Amino acid sequence: MKVIVDTCIWSLVLRRNRPRDCPEVSELSNLIDDYKVQMLGPIRQELLSGISDQKNFKRLEDHLAGFPDLAITREDYIDAARFFNICRADGIQGSNPDFLICALSVRHDMAIYTIDNDFALFAEHLPIVLHR
């Protein structure tokens, strides 16, 4: 089963000053070794946004090039909006990209690897699976 790796995991792993014994680094490495990482265009965009140095931008772009993007359809955006509305009705707030991640994970039967606590709240109301 493929796993959608959320931006917060990538960002933690790519940080120069990350904690020495970071379990997320080991887990992402295992997922990469097992060819289980699924990239999404919005996550790629978030990772590359804000890198003002073109050399660093190109380096990260090249590192991420080995992870093809999953195609996103109109139905995915509709499901993301539906998930947004379900959660909002229950008082749960989230971003549009987060609900798109949820919609894609459900449609493609993929877990989400994240340390963003919002996804734990979403999981109480949506049929998503979080990677442990």
C-alpha atoms as a PDB file:
ATOM      1  CA  MET A   1       0.000   0.000   0.000  1.00  0.00           C
ATOM      2  CA  LYS A   2       1.297   3.456  -0.959  1.00  0.00           C
ATOM      3  CA  VAL A   3       1.488   6.169   1.682  1.00  0.00           C
ATOM      4  CA  ILE A   4       0.892   9.885   1.178  1.00  0.00           C
ATOM      5  CA  VAL A   5       3.684  11.667   3.046  1.00  0.00           C
ATOM      6  CA  ASP A   6       2.414  15.010   4.308  1.00  0.00           C
ATOM      7  CA  THR A   7       4.409  18.225   3.968  1.00  0.00           C
ATOM      8  CA  CYS A   8       5.180  18.369   7.693  1.00  0.00           C
ATOM      9  CA  ILE A   9       7.057  15.034   7.540  1.00  0.00           C
ATOM     10  CA  TRP A  10       9.076  16.084   4.487  1.00  0.00           C
ATOM     11  CA  SER A  11       9.845  19.443   6.105  1.00  0.00           C
ATOM     12  CA  LEU A  12      10.997  17.808   9.325  1.00  0.00           C
ATOM     13  CA  VAL A  13      13.203  15.341   7.467  1.00  0.00           C
ATOM     14  CA  LEU A  14      14.691  17.995   5.177  1.00  0.00           C
ATOM     15  CA  ARG A  15      15.545  20.408   8.016  1.00  0.00           C
ATOM     16  CA  ARG A  16      19.207  20.930   8.654  1.00  0.00           C
ATOM     17  CA  ASN A  17      18.674  21.243  12.412  1.00  0.00           C
ATOM     18  CA  ARG A  18      16.298  18.309  12.919  1.00  0.00           C
ATOM     19  CA  PRO A  19      16.530  16.249  16.129  1.00  0.00           C
ATOM     20  CA  ARG A  20      19.383  13.735  16.066  1.00  0.00           C
ATOM     21  CA  ASP A  21      17.277  10.585  16.617  1.00  0.00           C
ATOM     22  CA  CYS A  22      14.239  11.557  14.593  1.00  0.00           C
ATOM     23  CA  PRO A  23      11.918   8.548  14.090  1.00  0.00           C
ATOM     24  CA  GLU A  24      10.241  10.276  11.145  1.00  0.00           C
ATOM     25  CA  VAL A  25      13.544  10.203   9.255  1.00  0.00           C
ATOM     26  CA  SER A  26      13.844   6.437   9.741  1.00  0.00           C
ATOM     27  CA  GLU A  27      10.237   5.799   8.799  1.00  0.00           C
ATOM     28  CA  LEU A  28      10.379   7.943   5.669  1.00  0.00           C
ATOM     29  CA  SER A  29      13.596   6.191   4.680  1.00  0.00           C
ATOM     30  CA  ASN A  30      11.865   2.824   5.102  1.00  0.00           C
ATOM     31  CA  LEU A  31       8.896   3.957   3.019  1.00  0.00           C
ATOM     32  CA  ILE A  32      11.221   5.204   0.276  1.00  0.00           C
ATOM     33  CA  ASP A  33      13.230   1.958   0.319  1.00  0.00           C
ATOM     34  CA  ASP A  34       9.987  -0.027  -0.013  1.00  0.00           C
ATOM     35  CA  TYR A  35       8.712   2.209  -2.885  1.00  0.00           C
ATOM     36  CA  LYS A  36       5.652   3.152  -0.838  1.00  0.00           C
ATOM     37  CA  VAL A  37       5.865   6.964  -0.973  1.00  0.00           C
ATOM     38  CA  GLN A  38       3.178   8.722  -2.984  1.00  0.00           C
ATOM     39  CA  MET A  39       3.772  12.367  -3.876  1.00  0.00           C
ATOM     40  CA  LEU A  40       0.981  14.850  -4.499  1.00  0.00           C
ATOM     41  CA  GLY A  41       1.396  18.022  -6.545  1.00  0.00           C
ATOM     42  CA  PRO A  42       0.125  20.292  -3.734  1.00  0.00           C
ATOM     43  CA  ILE A  43       2.679  18.784  -1.330  1.00  0.00           C
ATOM     44  CA  ARG A  44       5.482  19.257  -3.862  1.00  0.00           C
ATOM     45  CA  GLN A  45       4.365  22.879  -4.284  1.00  0.00           C
ATOM     46  CA  GLU A  46       4.355  23.493  -0.514  1.00  0.00           C
ATOM     47  CA  LEU A  47       7.836  22.002  -0.167  1.00  0.00           C
ATOM     48  CA  LEU A  48       9.292  24.132  -2.947  1.00  0.00           C
ATOM     49  CA  SER A  49       7.501  27.346  -1.998  1.00  0.00           C
ATOM     50  CA  GLY A  50       9.530  29.882  -0.082  1.00  0.00           C
ATOM     51  CA  ILE A  51      12.960  28.674  -1.194  1.00  0.00           C
ATOM     52  CA  SER A  52      14.470  31.917  -2.464  1.00  0.00           C
ATOM     53  CA  ASP A  53      17.896  30.519  -3.298  1.00  0.00           C
ATOM     54  CA  GLN A  54      17.628  29.026  -6.801  1.00  0.00           C
ATOM     55  CA  LYS A  55      20.434  26.534  -6.175  1.00  0.00           C
ATOM     56  CA  ASN A  56      18.625  25.109  -3.132  1.00  0.00           C
ATOM     57  CA  PHE A  57      15.320  25.180  -5.024  1.00  0.00           C
ATOM     58  CA  LYS A  58      16.827  23.176  -7.893  1.00  0.00           C
ATOM     59  CA  ARG A  59      18.497  20.726  -5.492  1.00  0.00           C
ATOM     60  CA  LEU A  60      15.196  19.978  -3.735  1.00  0.00           C
ATOM     61  CA  GLU A  61      13.313  19.860  -7.035  1.00  0.00           C
ATOM     62  CA  ASP A  62      15.813  17.265  -8.266  1.00  0.00           C
ATOM     63  CA  HIS A  63      15.558  15.208  -5.059  1.00  0.00           C
ATOM     64  CA  LEU A  64      11.778  15.117  -5.300  1.00  0.00           C
ATOM     65  CA  ALA A  65      11.771  14.306  -9.036  1.00  0.00           C
ATOM     66  CA  GLY A  66      11.921  10.582  -8.288  1.00  0.00           C
ATOM     67  CA  PHE A  67       8.442  10.719  -6.755  1.00  0.00           C
ATOM     68  CA  PRO A  68       5.802  11.110  -9.495  1.00  0.00           C
ATOM     69  CA  ASP A  69       2.636  13.028  -8.679  1.00  0.00           C
ATOM     70  CA  LEU A  70      -0.681  11.249  -8.363  1.00  0.00           C
ATOM     71  CA  ALA A  71      -3.216  12.583 -10.868  1.00  0.00           C
ATOM     72  CA  ILE A  72      -5.955  14.672  -9.292  1.00  0.00           C
ATOM     73  CA  THR A  73      -9.452  14.620 -10.783  1.00  0.00           C
ATOM     74  CA  ARG A  74     -12.535  16.786 -10.529  1.00  0.00           C
ATOM     75  CA  GLU A  75     -14.118  14.130  -8.297  1.00  0.00           C
ATOM     76  CA  ASP A  76     -11.190  14.451  -5.886  1.00  0.00           C
ATOM     77  CA  TYR A  77     -11.857  18.172  -5.498  1.00  0.00           C
ATOM     78  CA  ILE A  78     -15.566  17.490  -4.996  1.00  0.00           C
ATOM     79  CA  ASP A  79     -14.811  14.851  -2.355  1.00  0.00           C
ATOM     80  CA  ALA A  80     -12.379  17.262  -0.668  1.00  0.00           C
ATOM     81  CA  ALA A  81     -15.137  19.881  -0.481  1.00  0.00           C
ATOM     82  CA  ARG A  82     -17.541  17.257   0.874  1.00  0.00           C
ATOM     83  CA  PHE A  83     -14.989  16.281   3.557  1.00  0.00           C
ATOM     84  CA  PHE A  84     -14.467  19.967   4.409  1.00  0.00           C
ATOM     85  CA  ASN A  85     -18.234  20.376   4.874  1.00  0.00           C
ATOM     86  CA  ILE A  86     -18.567  17.226   6.988  1.00  0.00           C
ATOM     87  CA  CYS A  87     -15.799  18.333   9.329  1.00  0.00           C
ATOM     88  CA  ARG A  88     -16.944  21.943   9.470  1.00  0.00           C
ATOM     89  CA  ALA A  89     -20.459  20.810  10.441  1.00  0.00           C
ATOM     90  CA  ASP A  90     -18.841  19.056  13.409  1.00  0.00           C
ATOM     91  CA  GLY A  91     -16.755  22.110  14.331  1.00  0.00           C
ATOM     92  CA  ILE A  92     -13.498  20.798  12.842  1.00  0.00           C
ATOM     93  CA  GLN A  93     -11.488  23.284  10.780  1.00  0.00           C
ATOM     94  CA  GLY A  94      -8.913  22.377   8.162  1.00  0.00           C
ATOM     95  CA  SER A  95      -7.242  23.657   5.035  1.00  0.00           C
ATOM     96  CA  ASN A  96      -8.342  22.878   1.498  1.00  0.00           C
ATOM     97  CA  PRO A  97      -5.037  21.078   0.736  1.00  0.00           C
ATOM     98  CA  ASP A  98      -5.503  18.893   3.831  1.00  0.00           C
ATOM     99  CA  PHE A  99      -8.964  17.821   2.715  1.00  0.00           C
ATOM    100  CA  LEU A 100      -7.650  17.146  -0.781  1.00  0.00           C
ATOM    101  CA  ILE A 101      -5.053  14.841   0.810  1.00  0.00           C
ATOM    102  CA  CYS A 102      -7.899  13.097   2.659  1.00  0.00           C
ATOM    103  CA  ALA A 103      -9.955  12.707  -0.530  1.00  0.00           C
ATOM    104  CA  LEU A 104      -7.022  11.240  -2.448  1.00  0.00           C
ATOM    105  CA  SER A 105      -6.139   8.871   0.365  1.00  0.00           C
ATOM    106  CA  VAL A 106      -9.692   7.519   0.460  1.00  0.00           C
ATOM    107  CA  ARG A 107     -10.095   7.160  -3.313  1.00  0.00           C
ATOM    108  CA  HIS A 108      -6.747   5.411  -3.723  1.00  0.00           C
ATOM    109  CA  ASP A 109      -6.854   3.467  -0.434  1.00  0.00           C
ATOM    110  CA  MET A 110      -3.646   5.027   0.870  1.00  0.00           C
ATOM    111  CA  ALA A 111      -2.640   5.891   4.406  1.00  0.00           C
ATOM    112  CA  ILE A 112      -1.481   9.400   5.335  1.00  0.00           C
ATOM    113  CA  TYR A 113       1.850   9.817   7.126  1.00  0.00           C
ATOM    114  CA  THR A 114       1.734  13.033   9.125  1.00  0.00           C
ATOM    115  CA  ILE A 115       2.498  14.564  12.493  1.00  0.00           C
ATOM    116  CA  ASP A 116      -0.179  17.220  11.955  1.00  0.00           C
ATOM    117  CA  ASN A 117      -2.715  16.671  14.728  1.00  0.00           C
ATOM    118  CA  ASP A 118      -5.532  17.990  12.523  1.00  0.00           C
ATOM    119  CA  PHE A 119      -5.533  14.692  10.645  1.00  0.00           C
ATOM    120  CA  ALA A 120      -6.286  12.799  13.861  1.00  0.00           C
ATOM    121  CA  LEU A 121      -9.365  14.995  14.229  1.00  0.00           C
ATOM    122  CA  PHE A 122     -10.311  14.435  10.593  1.00  0.00           C
ATOM    123  CA  ALA A 123      -9.981  10.664  11.122  1.00  0.00           C
ATOM    124  CA  GLU A 124     -12.756  10.823  13.722  1.00  0.00           C
ATOM    125  CA  HIS A 125     -15.164  12.046  11.022  1.00  0.00           C
ATOM    126  CA  LEU A 126     -13.727  10.808   7.716  1.00  0.00           C
ATOM    127  CA  PRO A 127     -12.808   7.321   6.443  1.00  0.00           C
ATOM    128  CA  ILE A 128      -9.065   8.082   6.336  1.00  0.00           C
ATOM    129  CA  VAL A 129      -6.268   5.869   7.647  1.00  0.00           C
ATOM    130  CA  LEU A 130      -3.219   7.372   9.309  1.00  0.00           C
ATOM    131  CA  HIS A 131       0.162   5.683   8.882  1.00  0.00           C
ATOM    132  CA  ARG A 132       1.625   4.704  12.233  1.00  0.00           C
END
